[in-house]
Amino acid sequence: GVSSWRFLLQPTIKLKPKRVVIGFDADAQSKEESVGKAV
């Protein structure tokens, strides 16, 4: 779930990547009022 992104913040920072690529489920584009807002 997109609302759980904060759980990955510290592990990601610890890994020190140059770039983070987020791939949200495609329904974020059609469900603007729910998933889209969370994205």
ModelCIF file with pLDDT and N, C-alpha, C, O atoms, coordinates in Angstrom:
data_MODEL
#
_entry.id   MODEL 
#
_entity.id                         1 
_entity.type                       polymer 
_entity.pdbx_number_of_molecules   1 
#
_entity_poly.entity_id                      1 
_entity_poly.type                           'polypeptide(L)' 
_entity_poly.nstd_linkage                   no 
_entity_poly.nstd_monomer                   no 
_entity_poly.pdbx_seq_one_letter_code       GVSSWRFLLQPTIKLKPKRVVIGFDADAQSKEESVGKAV 
_entity_poly.pdbx_seq_one_letter_code_can   GVSSWRFLLQPTIKLKPKRVVIGFDADAQSKEESVGKAV 
_entity_poly.pdbx_strand_id                 A 
#
loop_
_entity_poly_seq.entity_id 
_entity_poly_seq.num 
_entity_poly_seq.mon_id 
_entity_poly_seq.hetero 
1 1  GLY n 
1 2  VAL n 
1 3  SER n 
1 4  SER n 
1 5  TRP n 
1 6  ARG n 
1 7  PHE n 
1 8  LEU n 
1 9  LEU n 
1 10 GLN n 
1 11 PRO n 
1 12 THR n 
1 13 ILE n 
1 14 LYS n 
1 15 LEU n 
1 16 LYS n 
1 17 PRO n 
1 18 LYS n 
1 19 ARG n 
1 20 VAL n 
1 21 VAL n 
1 22 ILE n 
1 23 GLY n 
1 24 PHE n 
1 25 ASP n 
1 26 ALA n 
1 27 ASP n 
1 28 ALA n 
1 29 GLN n 
1 30 SER n 
1 31 LYS n 
1 32 GLU n 
1 33 GLU n 
1 34 SER n 
1 35 VAL n 
1 36 GLY n 
1 37 LYS n 
1 38 ALA n 
1 39 VAL n 
#
_struct_asym.id          A 
_struct_asym.entity_id   1 
#
loop_
_ma_qa_metric.id 
_ma_qa_metric.mode 
_ma_qa_metric.name 
_ma_qa_metric.software_group_id 
_ma_qa_metric.type 
1 global pLDDT . pLDDT 
2 local  pLDDT . pLDDT 
#
_ma_qa_metric_global.metric_id      1 
_ma_qa_metric_global.metric_value   86.08 
_ma_qa_metric_global.model_id       1 
_ma_qa_metric_global.ordinal_id     1 
#
loop_
_ma_qa_metric_local.label_asym_id 
_ma_qa_metric_local.label_comp_id 
_ma_qa_metric_local.label_seq_id 
_ma_qa_metric_local.metric_id 
_ma_qa_metric_local.metric_value 
_ma_qa_metric_local.model_id 
_ma_qa_metric_local.ordinal_id 
A GLY 1  2 79.00 1 1  
A VAL 2  2 79.00 1 2  
A SER 3  2 82.00 1 3  
A SER 4  2 85.00 1 4  
A TRP 5  2 87.00 1 5  
A ARG 6  2 89.00 1 6  
A PHE 7  2 91.00 1 7  
A LEU 8  2 90.00 1 8  
A LEU 9  2 90.00 1 9  
A GLN 10 2 92.00 1 10 
A PRO 11 2 93.00 1 11 
A THR 12 2 93.00 1 12 
A ILE 13 2 94.00 1 13 
A LYS 14 2 95.00 1 14 
A LEU 15 2 95.00 1 15 
A LYS 16 2 95.00 1 16 
A PRO 17 2 96.00 1 17 
A LYS 18 2 96.00 1 18 
A ARG 19 2 96.00 1 19 
A VAL 20 2 94.00 1 20 
A VAL 21 2 92.00 1 21 
A ILE 22 2 89.00 1 22 
A GLY 23 2 88.00 1 23 
A PHE 24 2 86.00 1 24 
A ASP 25 2 86.00 1 25 
A ALA 26 2 86.00 1 26 
A ASP 27 2 82.00 1 27 
A ALA 28 2 78.00 1 28 
A GLN 29 2 78.00 1 29 
A SER 30 2 80.00 1 30 
A LYS 31 2 76.00 1 31 
A GLU 32 2 69.00 1 32 
A GLU 33 2 76.00 1 33 
A SER 34 2 75.00 1 34 
A VAL 35 2 72.00 1 35 
A GLY 36 2 75.00 1 36 
A LYS 37 2 86.00 1 37 
A ALA 38 2 86.00 1 38 
A VAL 39 2 86.00 1 39 
#
loop_
_atom_site.group_PDB 
_atom_site.id 
_atom_site.type_symbol 
_atom_site.label_atom_id 
_atom_site.label_alt_id 
_atom_site.label_comp_id 
_atom_site.label_asym_id 
_atom_site.label_entity_id 
_atom_site.label_seq_id 
_atom_site.pdbx_PDB_ins_code 
_atom_site.Cartn_x 
_atom_site.Cartn_y 
_atom_site.Cartn_z 
_atom_site.occupancy 
_atom_site.B_iso_or_equiv 
_atom_site.pdbx_formal_charge 
_atom_site.auth_seq_id 
_atom_site.auth_comp_id 
_atom_site.auth_asym_id 
_atom_site.auth_atom_id 
_atom_site.pdbx_PDB_model_num 
ATOM 1   N N  . GLY A 1 1  ? 0.808  -1.221 0.000   1.00 79.00 ? 1  GLY A N  1 
ATOM 2   C CA . GLY A 1 1  ? 0.000  0.000  0.000   1.00 79.00 ? 1  GLY A CA 1 
ATOM 3   C C  . GLY A 1 1  ? 0.835  1.262  0.000   1.00 79.00 ? 1  GLY A C  1 
ATOM 4   O O  . GLY A 1 1  ? 1.853  1.365  0.685   1.00 79.00 ? 1  GLY A O  1 
ATOM 5   N N  . VAL A 1 2  ? 0.377  2.214  -0.784  1.00 79.00 ? 2  VAL A N  1 
ATOM 6   C CA . VAL A 1 2  ? 1.113  3.460  -0.955  1.00 79.00 ? 2  VAL A CA 1 
ATOM 7   C C  . VAL A 1 2  ? 1.232  4.257  0.346   1.00 79.00 ? 2  VAL A C  1 
ATOM 8   O O  . VAL A 1 2  ? 2.186  5.016  0.517   1.00 79.00 ? 2  VAL A O  1 
ATOM 9   N N  . SER A 1 3  ? 0.295  4.097  1.244   1.00 82.00 ? 3  SER A N  1 
ATOM 10  C CA . SER A 1 3  ? 0.340  4.840  2.508   1.00 82.00 ? 3  SER A CA 1 
ATOM 11  C C  . SER A 1 3  ? 1.409  4.328  3.462   1.00 82.00 ? 3  SER A C  1 
ATOM 12  O O  . SER A 1 3  ? 1.670  4.958  4.487   1.00 82.00 ? 3  SER A O  1 
ATOM 13  N N  . SER A 1 4  ? 2.023  3.210  3.147   1.00 85.00 ? 4  SER A N  1 
ATOM 14  C CA . SER A 1 4  ? 3.050  2.620  4.017   1.00 85.00 ? 4  SER A CA 1 
ATOM 15  C C  . SER A 1 4  ? 4.469  2.997  3.614   1.00 85.00 ? 4  SER A C  1 
ATOM 16  O O  . SER A 1 4  ? 5.420  2.396  4.113   1.00 85.00 ? 4  SER A O  1 
ATOM 17  N N  . TRP A 1 5  ? 4.640  3.963  2.735   1.00 87.00 ? 5  TRP A N  1 
ATOM 18  C CA . TRP A 1 5  ? 5.962  4.310  2.202   1.00 87.00 ? 5  TRP A CA 1 
ATOM 19  C C  . TRP A 1 5  ? 6.965  4.691  3.284   1.00 87.00 ? 5  TRP A C  1 
ATOM 20  O O  . TRP A 1 5  ? 8.163  4.468  3.111   1.00 87.00 ? 5  TRP A O  1 
ATOM 21  N N  . ARG A 1 6  ? 6.505  5.256  4.390   1.00 89.00 ? 6  ARG A N  1 
ATOM 22  C CA . ARG A 1 6  ? 7.425  5.711  5.446   1.00 89.00 ? 6  ARG A CA 1 
ATOM 23  C C  . ARG A 1 6  ? 8.246  4.562  6.048   1.00 89.00 ? 6  ARG A C  1 
ATOM 24  O O  . ARG A 1 6  ? 9.354  4.776  6.540   1.00 89.00 ? 6  ARG A O  1 
ATOM 25  N N  . PHE A 1 7  ? 7.692  3.342  6.004   1.00 91.00 ? 7  PHE A N  1 
ATOM 26  C CA . PHE A 1 7  ? 8.417  2.185  6.523   1.00 91.00 ? 7  PHE A CA 1 
ATOM 27  C C  . PHE A 1 7  ? 9.721  1.937  5.763   1.00 91.00 ? 7  PHE A C  1 
ATOM 28  O O  . PHE A 1 7  ? 10.656 1.345  6.302   1.00 91.00 ? 7  PHE A O  1 
ATOM 29  N N  . LEU A 1 8  ? 9.778  2.393  4.510   1.00 90.00 ? 8  LEU A N  1 
ATOM 30  C CA . LEU A 1 8  ? 10.961 2.167  3.686   1.00 90.00 ? 8  LEU A CA 1 
ATOM 31  C C  . LEU A 1 8  ? 11.958 3.315  3.742   1.00 90.00 ? 8  LEU A C  1 
ATOM 32  O O  . LEU A 1 8  ? 13.058 3.200  3.201   1.00 90.00 ? 8  LEU A O  1 
ATOM 33  N N  . LEU A 1 9  ? 11.598 4.409  4.379   1.00 90.00 ? 9  LEU A N  1 
ATOM 34  C CA . LEU A 1 9  ? 12.453 5.592  4.360   1.00 90.00 ? 9  LEU A CA 1 
ATOM 35  C C  . LEU A 1 9  ? 13.821 5.340  4.998   1.00 90.00 ? 9  LEU A C  1 
ATOM 36  O O  . LEU A 1 9  ? 14.845 5.579  4.358   1.00 90.00 ? 9  LEU A O  1 
ATOM 37  N N  . GLN A 1 10 ? 13.856 4.873  6.218   1.00 92.00 ? 10 GLN A N  1 
ATOM 38  C CA . GLN A 1 10 ? 15.148 4.653  6.895   1.00 92.00 ? 10 GLN A CA 1 
ATOM 39  C C  . GLN A 1 10 ? 15.999 3.577  6.223   1.00 92.00 ? 10 GLN A C  1 
ATOM 40  O O  . GLN A 1 10 ? 17.194 3.792  6.024   1.00 92.00 ? 10 GLN A O  1 
ATOM 41  N N  . PRO A 1 11 ? 15.423 2.421  5.865   1.00 93.00 ? 11 PRO A N  1 
ATOM 42  C CA . PRO A 1 11 ? 16.243 1.431  5.153   1.00 93.00 ? 11 PRO A CA 1 
ATOM 43  C C  . PRO A 1 11 ? 16.797 1.976  3.834   1.00 93.00 ? 11 PRO A C  1 
ATOM 44  O O  . PRO A 1 11 ? 17.932 1.677  3.463   1.00 93.00 ? 11 PRO A O  1 
ATOM 45  N N  . THR A 1 12 ? 16.005 2.762  3.139   1.00 93.00 ? 12 THR A N  1 
ATOM 46  C CA . THR A 1 12 ? 16.446 3.339  1.871   1.00 93.00 ? 12 THR A CA 1 
ATOM 47  C C  . THR A 1 12 ? 17.609 4.300  2.091   1.00 93.00 ? 12 THR A C  1 
ATOM 48  O O  . THR A 1 12 ? 18.615 4.228  1.384   1.00 93.00 ? 12 THR A O  1 
ATOM 49  N N  . ILE A 1 13 ? 17.480 5.183  3.048   1.00 94.00 ? 13 ILE A N  1 
ATOM 50  C CA . ILE A 1 13 ? 18.549 6.143  3.344   1.00 94.00 ? 13 ILE A CA 1 
ATOM 51  C C  . ILE A 1 13 ? 19.821 5.408  3.751   1.00 94.00 ? 13 ILE A C  1 
ATOM 52  O O  . ILE A 1 13 ? 20.925 5.806  3.379   1.00 94.00 ? 13 ILE A O  1 
ATOM 53  N N  . LYS A 1 14 ? 19.662 4.349  4.507   1.00 95.00 ? 14 LYS A N  1 
ATOM 54  C CA . LYS A 1 14 ? 20.811 3.547  4.950   1.00 95.00 ? 14 LYS A CA 1 
ATOM 55  C C  . LYS A 1 14 ? 21.547 2.896  3.771   1.00 95.00 ? 14 LYS A C  1 
ATOM 56  O O  . LYS A 1 14 ? 22.769 2.748  3.805   1.00 95.00 ? 14 LYS A O  1 
ATOM 57  N N  . LEU A 1 15 ? 20.801 2.510  2.734   1.00 95.00 ? 15 LEU A N  1 
ATOM 58  C CA . LEU A 1 15 ? 21.387 1.879  1.558   1.00 95.00 ? 15 LEU A CA 1 
ATOM 59  C C  . LEU A 1 15 ? 22.127 2.883  0.661   1.00 95.00 ? 15 LEU A C  1 
ATOM 60  O O  . LEU A 1 15 ? 22.966 2.487  -0.149  1.00 95.00 ? 15 LEU A O  1 
ATOM 61  N N  . LYS A 1 16 ? 21.822 4.167  0.803   1.00 95.00 ? 16 LYS A N  1 
ATOM 62  C CA . LYS A 1 16 ? 22.465 5.258  0.059   1.00 95.00 ? 16 LYS A CA 1 
ATOM 63  C C  . LYS A 1 16 ? 22.409 5.099  -1.466  1.00 95.00 ? 16 LYS A C  1 
ATOM 64  O O  . LYS A 1 16 ? 23.440 5.180  -2.134  1.00 95.00 ? 16 LYS A O  1 
ATOM 65  N N  . PRO A 1 17 ? 21.219 4.875  -2.015  1.00 96.00 ? 17 PRO A N  1 
ATOM 66  C CA . PRO A 1 17 ? 21.137 4.797  -3.480  1.00 96.00 ? 17 PRO A CA 1 
ATOM 67  C C  . PRO A 1 17 ? 21.251 6.191  -4.091  1.00 96.00 ? 17 PRO A C  1 
ATOM 68  O O  . PRO A 1 17 ? 21.058 7.194  -3.403  1.00 96.00 ? 17 PRO A O  1 
ATOM 69  N N  . LYS A 1 18 ? 21.559 6.248  -5.355  1.00 96.00 ? 18 LYS A N  1 
ATOM 70  C CA . LYS A 1 18 ? 21.584 7.531  -6.054  1.00 96.00 ? 18 LYS A CA 1 
ATOM 71  C C  . LYS A 1 18 ? 20.174 7.945  -6.449  1.00 96.00 ? 18 LYS A C  1 
ATOM 72  O O  . LYS A 1 18 ? 19.851 9.132  -6.500  1.00 96.00 ? 18 LYS A O  1 
ATOM 73  N N  . ARG A 1 19 ? 19.339 6.949  -6.728  1.00 96.00 ? 19 ARG A N  1 
ATOM 74  C CA . ARG A 1 19 ? 17.963 7.218  -7.163  1.00 96.00 ? 19 ARG A CA 1 
ATOM 75  C C  . ARG A 1 19 ? 17.030 6.171  -6.593  1.00 96.00 ? 19 ARG A C  1 
ATOM 76  O O  . ARG A 1 19 ? 17.377 4.995  -6.481  1.00 96.00 ? 19 ARG A O  1 
ATOM 77  N N  . VAL A 1 20 ? 15.842 6.621  -6.236  1.00 94.00 ? 20 VAL A N  1 
ATOM 78  C CA . VAL A 1 20 ? 14.757 5.732  -5.839  1.00 94.00 ? 20 VAL A CA 1 
ATOM 79  C C  . VAL A 1 20 ? 13.687 5.838  -6.913  1.00 94.00 ? 20 VAL A C  1 
ATOM 80  O O  . VAL A 1 20 ? 13.272 6.937  -7.283  1.00 94.00 ? 20 VAL A O  1 
ATOM 81  N N  . VAL A 1 21 ? 13.246 4.698  -7.409  1.00 92.00 ? 21 VAL A N  1 
ATOM 82  C CA . VAL A 1 21 ? 12.175 4.652  -8.399  1.00 92.00 ? 21 VAL A CA 1 
ATOM 83  C C  . VAL A 1 21 ? 10.959 4.029  -7.728  1.00 92.00 ? 21 VAL A C  1 
ATOM 84  O O  . VAL A 1 21 ? 11.017 2.905  -7.229  1.00 92.00 ? 21 VAL A O  1 
ATOM 85  N N  . ILE A 1 22 ? 9.872  4.766  -7.723  1.00 89.00 ? 22 ILE A N  1 
ATOM 86  C CA . ILE A 1 22 ? 8.637  4.276  -7.121  1.00 89.00 ? 22 ILE A CA 1 
ATOM 87  C C  . ILE A 1 22 ? 7.700  3.851  -8.236  1.00 89.00 ? 22 ILE A C  1 
ATOM 88  O O  . ILE A 1 22 ? 7.457  4.610  -9.174  1.00 89.00 ? 22 ILE A O  1 
ATOM 89  N N  . GLY A 1 23 ? 7.175  2.636  -8.135  1.00 88.00 ? 23 GLY A N  1 
ATOM 90  C CA . GLY A 1 23 ? 6.223  2.123  -9.126  1.00 88.00 ? 23 GLY A CA 1 
ATOM 91  C C  . GLY A 1 23 ? 4.887  1.863  -8.460  1.00 88.00 ? 23 GLY A C  1 
ATOM 92  O O  . GLY A 1 23 ? 4.672  0.790  -7.896  1.00 88.00 ? 23 GLY A O  1 
ATOM 93  N N  . PHE A 1 24 ? 3.994  2.827  -8.517  1.00 86.00 ? 24 PHE A N  1 
ATOM 94  C CA . PHE A 1 24 ? 2.656  2.678  -7.939  1.00 86.00 ? 24 PHE A CA 1 
ATOM 95  C C  . PHE A 1 24 ? 1.793  1.839  -8.867  1.00 86.00 ? 24 PHE A C  1 
ATOM 96  O O  . PHE A 1 24 ? 2.012  1.839  -10.078 1.00 86.00 ? 24 PHE A O  1 
ATOM 97  N N  . ASP A 1 25 ? 0.821  1.128  -8.322  1.00 86.00 ? 25 ASP A N  1 
ATOM 98  C CA . ASP A 1 25 ? -0.120 0.402  -9.168  1.00 86.00 ? 25 ASP A CA 1 
ATOM 99  C C  . ASP A 1 25 ? -0.800 1.391  -10.111 1.00 86.00 ? 25 ASP A C  1 
ATOM 100 O O  . ASP A 1 25 ? -1.053 2.538  -9.744  1.00 86.00 ? 25 ASP A O  1 
ATOM 101 N N  . ALA A 1 26 ? -1.088 0.941  -11.313 1.00 86.00 ? 26 ALA A N  1 
ATOM 102 C CA . ALA A 1 26 ? -1.639 1.809  -12.350 1.00 86.00 ? 26 ALA A CA 1 
ATOM 103 C C  . ALA A 1 26 ? -3.008 2.380  -12.002 1.00 86.00 ? 26 ALA A C  1 
ATOM 104 O O  . ALA A 1 26 ? -3.406 3.396  -12.571 1.00 86.00 ? 26 ALA A O  1 
ATOM 105 N N  . ASP A 1 27 ? -3.737 1.754  -11.083 1.00 82.00 ? 27 ASP A N  1 
ATOM 106 C CA . ASP A 1 27 ? -5.059 2.280  -10.739 1.00 82.00 ? 27 ASP A CA 1 
ATOM 107 C C  . ASP A 1 27 ? -4.981 3.615  -10.012 1.00 82.00 ? 27 ASP A C  1 
ATOM 108 O O  . ASP A 1 27 ? -6.011 4.257  -9.801  1.00 82.00 ? 27 ASP A O  1 
ATOM 109 N N  . ALA A 1 28 ? -3.790 4.045  -9.625  1.00 78.00 ? 28 ALA A N  1 
ATOM 110 C CA . ALA A 1 28 ? -3.627 5.375  -9.026  1.00 78.00 ? 28 ALA A CA 1 
ATOM 111 C C  . ALA A 1 28 ? -4.037 6.455  -10.023 1.00 78.00 ? 28 ALA A C  1 
ATOM 112 O O  . ALA A 1 28 ? -4.429 7.553  -9.627  1.00 78.00 ? 28 ALA A O  1 
ATOM 113 N N  . GLN A 1 29 ? -3.948 6.149  -11.297 1.00 78.00 ? 29 GLN A N  1 
ATOM 114 C CA . GLN A 1 29 ? -4.317 7.110  -12.335 1.00 78.00 ? 29 GLN A CA 1 
ATOM 115 C C  . GLN A 1 29 ? -5.824 7.240  -12.506 1.00 78.00 ? 29 GLN A C  1 
ATOM 116 O O  . GLN A 1 29 ? -6.312 8.310  -12.867 1.00 78.00 ? 29 GLN A O  1 
ATOM 117 N N  . SER A 1 30 ? -6.560 6.177  -12.255 1.00 80.00 ? 30 SER A N  1 
ATOM 118 C CA . SER A 1 30 ? -8.009 6.223  -12.445 1.00 80.00 ? 30 SER A CA 1 
ATOM 119 C C  . SER A 1 30 ? -8.771 6.433  -11.132 1.00 80.00 ? 30 SER A C  1 
ATOM 120 O O  . SER A 1 30 ? -9.936 6.831  -11.145 1.00 80.00 ? 30 SER A O  1 
ATOM 121 N N  . LYS A 1 31 ? -8.126 6.169  -10.024 1.00 76.00 ? 31 LYS A N  1 
ATOM 122 C CA . LYS A 1 31 ? -8.764 6.357  -8.715  1.00 76.00 ? 31 LYS A CA 1 
ATOM 123 C C  . LYS A 1 31 ? -8.164 7.593  -8.043  1.00 76.00 ? 31 LYS A C  1 
ATOM 124 O O  . LYS A 1 31 ? -7.577 7.510  -6.964  1.00 76.00 ? 31 LYS A O  1 
ATOM 125 N N  . GLU A 1 32 ? -8.326 8.741  -8.710  1.00 69.00 ? 32 GLU A N  1 
ATOM 126 C CA . GLU A 1 32 ? -7.689 9.977  -8.270  1.00 69.00 ? 32 GLU A CA 1 
ATOM 127 C C  . GLU A 1 32 ? -8.079 10.394 -6.853  1.00 69.00 ? 32 GLU A C  1 
ATOM 128 O O  . GLU A 1 32 ? -7.250 10.927 -6.115  1.00 69.00 ? 32 GLU A O  1 
ATOM 129 N N  . GLU A 1 33 ? -9.314 10.159 -6.475  1.00 76.00 ? 33 GLU A N  1 
ATOM 130 C CA . GLU A 1 33 ? -9.783 10.622 -5.170  1.00 76.00 ? 33 GLU A CA 1 
ATOM 131 C C  . GLU A 1 33 ? -9.301 9.763  -4.000  1.00 76.00 ? 33 GLU A C  1 
ATOM 132 O O  . GLU A 1 33 ? -9.356 10.202 -2.851  1.00 76.00 ? 33 GLU A O  1 
ATOM 133 N N  . SER A 1 34 ? -8.835 8.563  -4.274  1.00 75.00 ? 34 SER A N  1 
ATOM 134 C CA . SER A 1 34 ? -8.371 7.699  -3.187  1.00 75.00 ? 34 SER A CA 1 
ATOM 135 C C  . SER A 1 34 ? -6.888 7.394  -3.360  1.00 75.00 ? 34 SER A C  1 
ATOM 136 O O  . SER A 1 34 ? -6.047 8.005  -2.701  1.00 75.00 ? 34 SER A O  1 
ATOM 137 N N  . VAL A 1 35 ? -6.571 6.471  -4.224  1.00 72.00 ? 35 VAL A N  1 
ATOM 138 C CA . VAL A 1 35 ? -5.182 6.057  -4.434  1.00 72.00 ? 35 VAL A CA 1 
ATOM 139 C C  . VAL A 1 35 ? -4.357 7.224  -4.970  1.00 72.00 ? 35 VAL A C  1 
ATOM 140 O O  . VAL A 1 35 ? -3.221 7.429  -4.544  1.00 72.00 ? 35 VAL A O  1 
ATOM 141 N N  . GLY A 1 36 ? -4.920 7.977  -5.891  1.00 75.00 ? 36 GLY A N  1 
ATOM 142 C CA . GLY A 1 36 ? -4.203 9.112  -6.469  1.00 75.00 ? 36 GLY A CA 1 
ATOM 143 C C  . GLY A 1 36 ? -3.770 10.124 -5.429  1.00 75.00 ? 36 GLY A C  1 
ATOM 144 O O  . GLY A 1 36 ? -2.650 10.631 -5.484  1.00 75.00 ? 36 GLY A O  1 
ATOM 145 N N  . LYS A 1 37 ? -4.643 10.424 -4.481  1.00 86.00 ? 37 LYS A N  1 
ATOM 146 C CA . LYS A 1 37 ? -4.287 11.361 -3.411  1.00 86.00 ? 37 LYS A CA 1 
ATOM 147 C C  . LYS A 1 37 ? -3.184 10.795 -2.526  1.00 86.00 ? 37 LYS A C  1 
ATOM 148 O O  . LYS A 1 37 ? -2.294 11.530 -2.098  1.00 86.00 ? 37 LYS A O  1 
ATOM 149 N N  . ALA A 1 38 ? -3.236 9.511  -2.253  1.00 86.00 ? 38 ALA A N  1 
ATOM 150 C CA . ALA A 1 38 ? -2.193 8.874  -1.440  1.00 86.00 ? 38 ALA A CA 1 
ATOM 151 C C  . ALA A 1 38 ? -0.853 8.908  -2.164  1.00 86.00 ? 38 ALA A C  1 
ATOM 152 O O  . ALA A 1 38 ? 0.187  9.085  -1.531  1.00 86.00 ? 38 ALA A O  1 
ATOM 153 N N  . VAL A 1 39 ? -0.866 8.742  -3.478  1.00 86.00 ? 39 VAL A N  1 
ATOM 154 C CA . VAL A 1 39 ? 0.359  8.809  -4.278  1.00 86.00 ? 39 VAL A CA 1 
ATOM 155 C C  . VAL A 1 39 ? 0.965  10.209 -4.185  1.00 86.00 ? 39 VAL A C  1 
ATOM 156 O O  . VAL A 1 39 ? 2.004  10.473 -4.790  1.00 86.00 ? 39 VAL A O  1 
#
